[in-house]
Amino acid sequence: MRLLSLKPAPAGVTLARRISSQVLLEGARELVIQHQGSEYHLRLTRNDKLILTK
């Protein structure tokens, strides 16, 4: 089990939002992300690596 620090971020620092790839993909191997009129494909490879392509 990994423990998370509950220390607040230093003033003026915005932390990036974190989300698990398992939550994003919901059991699928590919997800299409729409951004400014373009589609991006987030794919899970056979080696469990993530690839993002346009």
N, C-alpha and C. Protein backbone atom coordinates (compact mmCIF):
# COMPACT_ATOMS: atom_id res chain seq x y z
N MET A 1 0.85 -1.18 0.00
CA MET A 1 0.00 0.00 0.00
C MET A 1 0.89 1.23 0.00
N ARG A 2 0.52 2.23 -0.79
CA ARG A 2 1.32 3.45 -0.90
C ARG A 2 0.62 4.56 -0.11
N LEU A 3 1.37 5.26 0.72
CA LEU A 3 0.81 6.36 1.50
C LEU A 3 0.98 7.66 0.74
N LEU A 4 -0.04 8.49 0.77
CA LEU A 4 0.01 9.79 0.11
C LEU A 4 0.27 10.88 1.12
N SER A 5 1.04 11.87 0.73
CA SER A 5 1.29 13.02 1.60
C SER A 5 0.09 13.95 1.56
N LEU A 6 -0.30 14.45 2.69
CA LEU A 6 -1.42 15.38 2.76
C LEU A 6 -0.95 16.81 2.94
N LYS A 7 0.35 17.05 2.69
CA LYS A 7 0.88 18.41 2.81
C LYS A 7 0.29 19.29 1.73
N PRO A 8 -0.09 20.51 2.07
CA PRO A 8 -0.60 21.42 1.04
C PRO A 8 0.51 21.83 0.07
N ALA A 9 0.12 22.16 -1.15
CA ALA A 9 1.09 22.63 -2.14
C ALA A 9 1.58 24.01 -1.73
N PRO A 10 2.84 24.33 -2.05
CA PRO A 10 3.35 25.68 -1.76
C PRO A 10 2.49 26.74 -2.44
N ALA A 11 2.46 27.92 -1.87
CA ALA A 11 1.67 29.02 -2.42
C ALA A 11 2.03 29.27 -3.88
N GLY A 12 1.03 29.44 -4.73
CA GLY A 12 1.26 29.73 -6.14
C GLY A 12 1.47 28.51 -7.01
N VAL A 13 1.51 27.31 -6.41
CA VAL A 13 1.73 26.09 -7.17
C VAL A 13 0.40 25.37 -7.36
N THR A 14 0.08 25.05 -8.61
CA THR A 14 -1.13 24.30 -8.91
C THR A 14 -0.74 22.87 -9.25
N LEU A 15 -1.31 21.92 -8.53
CA LEU A 15 -1.00 20.52 -8.77
C LEU A 15 -1.85 19.98 -9.92
N ALA A 16 -1.24 19.14 -10.73
CA ALA A 16 -1.96 18.52 -11.85
C ALA A 16 -2.94 17.48 -11.31
N ARG A 17 -4.08 17.39 -11.93
CA ARG A 17 -5.08 16.39 -11.56
C ARG A 17 -4.56 15.01 -11.98
N ARG A 18 -4.75 14.01 -11.15
CA ARG A 18 -4.29 12.66 -11.46
C ARG A 18 -5.48 11.72 -11.55
N ILE A 19 -5.45 10.86 -12.58
CA ILE A 19 -6.49 9.86 -12.76
C ILE A 19 -5.85 8.58 -13.28
N SER A 20 -6.29 7.46 -12.79
CA SER A 20 -5.76 6.17 -13.19
C SER A 20 -6.13 5.86 -14.64
N SER A 21 -5.21 5.25 -15.38
CA SER A 21 -5.51 4.85 -16.75
C SER A 21 -6.62 3.80 -16.76
N GLN A 22 -6.70 3.00 -15.71
CA GLN A 22 -7.77 1.99 -15.62
C GLN A 22 -9.14 2.66 -15.55
N VAL A 23 -9.21 3.77 -14.84
CA VAL A 23 -10.47 4.51 -14.74
C VAL A 23 -10.81 5.12 -16.10
N LEU A 24 -9.83 5.68 -16.79
CA LEU A 24 -10.07 6.27 -18.10
C LEU A 24 -10.52 5.24 -19.13
N LEU A 25 -9.83 4.13 -19.20
CA LEU A 25 -10.09 3.13 -20.23
C LEU A 25 -11.29 2.23 -19.91
N GLU A 26 -11.65 2.12 -18.65
CA GLU A 26 -12.79 1.29 -18.22
C GLU A 26 -12.79 -0.10 -18.83
N GLY A 27 -11.63 -0.77 -18.85
CA GLY A 27 -11.53 -2.13 -19.37
C GLY A 27 -11.29 -2.22 -20.86
N ALA A 28 -11.41 -1.11 -21.58
CA ALA A 28 -11.15 -1.12 -23.03
C ALA A 28 -9.66 -0.95 -23.28
N ARG A 29 -9.23 -1.14 -24.52
CA ARG A 29 -7.83 -0.98 -24.86
C ARG A 29 -7.57 0.32 -25.60
N GLU A 30 -8.64 1.06 -25.90
CA GLU A 30 -8.49 2.32 -26.63
C GLU A 30 -9.54 3.32 -26.18
N LEU A 31 -9.13 4.58 -26.17
CA LEU A 31 -10.00 5.68 -25.80
C LEU A 31 -9.79 6.80 -26.80
N VAL A 32 -10.86 7.41 -27.29
CA VAL A 32 -10.75 8.55 -28.21
C VAL A 32 -11.00 9.82 -27.41
N ILE A 33 -10.07 10.75 -27.51
CA ILE A 33 -10.17 12.03 -26.83
C ILE A 33 -10.37 13.11 -27.88
N GLN A 34 -11.42 13.91 -27.73
CA GLN A 34 -11.66 15.01 -28.66
C GLN A 34 -11.10 16.28 -28.04
N HIS A 35 -10.29 17.01 -28.84
CA HIS A 35 -9.65 18.24 -28.36
C HIS A 35 -9.56 19.23 -29.51
N GLN A 36 -10.23 20.36 -29.37
CA GLN A 36 -10.21 21.44 -30.35
C GLN A 36 -10.44 20.95 -31.78
N GLY A 37 -11.46 20.10 -31.94
CA GLY A 37 -11.83 19.63 -33.27
C GLY A 37 -11.02 18.46 -33.80
N SER A 38 -10.04 18.00 -33.05
CA SER A 38 -9.24 16.84 -33.46
C SER A 38 -9.50 15.67 -32.54
N GLU A 39 -9.25 14.46 -33.06
CA GLU A 39 -9.37 13.26 -32.25
C GLU A 39 -8.01 12.67 -31.97
N TYR A 40 -7.79 12.29 -30.74
CA TYR A 40 -6.56 11.65 -30.30
C TYR A 40 -6.92 10.27 -29.76
N HIS A 41 -6.10 9.28 -30.07
CA HIS A 41 -6.36 7.91 -29.63
C HIS A 41 -5.34 7.53 -28.55
N LEU A 42 -5.85 7.17 -27.39
CA LEU A 42 -5.02 6.66 -26.30
C LEU A 42 -5.18 5.15 -26.32
N ARG A 43 -4.08 4.45 -26.62
CA ARG A 43 -4.12 2.99 -26.75
C ARG A 43 -3.24 2.32 -25.71
N LEU A 44 -3.71 1.18 -25.23
CA LEU A 44 -2.94 0.34 -24.33
C LEU A 44 -2.34 -0.78 -25.17
N THR A 45 -1.01 -0.87 -25.19
CA THR A 45 -0.33 -1.87 -26.02
C THR A 45 -0.34 -3.25 -25.35
N ARG A 46 0.12 -4.23 -26.09
CA ARG A 46 0.25 -5.60 -25.54
C ARG A 46 1.22 -5.64 -24.36
N ASN A 47 2.16 -4.70 -24.33
CA ASN A 47 3.15 -4.63 -23.25
C ASN A 47 2.71 -3.70 -22.13
N ASP A 48 1.43 -3.36 -22.10
CA ASP A 48 0.86 -2.47 -21.07
C ASP A 48 1.51 -1.09 -21.05
N LYS A 49 1.85 -0.59 -22.22
CA LYS A 49 2.34 0.79 -22.36
C LYS A 49 1.21 1.61 -22.97
N LEU A 50 1.22 2.91 -22.70
CA LEU A 50 0.22 3.80 -23.28
C LEU A 50 0.82 4.58 -24.44
N ILE A 51 0.06 4.68 -25.53
CA ILE A 51 0.47 5.45 -26.69
C ILE A 51 -0.65 6.40 -27.05
N LEU A 52 -0.32 7.68 -27.23
CA LEU A 52 -1.28 8.70 -27.64
C LEU A 52 -0.92 9.13 -29.04
N THR A 53 -1.87 8.97 -29.98
CA THR A 53 -1.64 9.37 -31.37
C THR A 53 -2.79 10.24 -31.84
N LYS A 54 -2.49 11.04 -32.85
CA LYS A 54 -3.51 11.92 -33.43
C LYS A 54 -4.15 11.23 -34.61
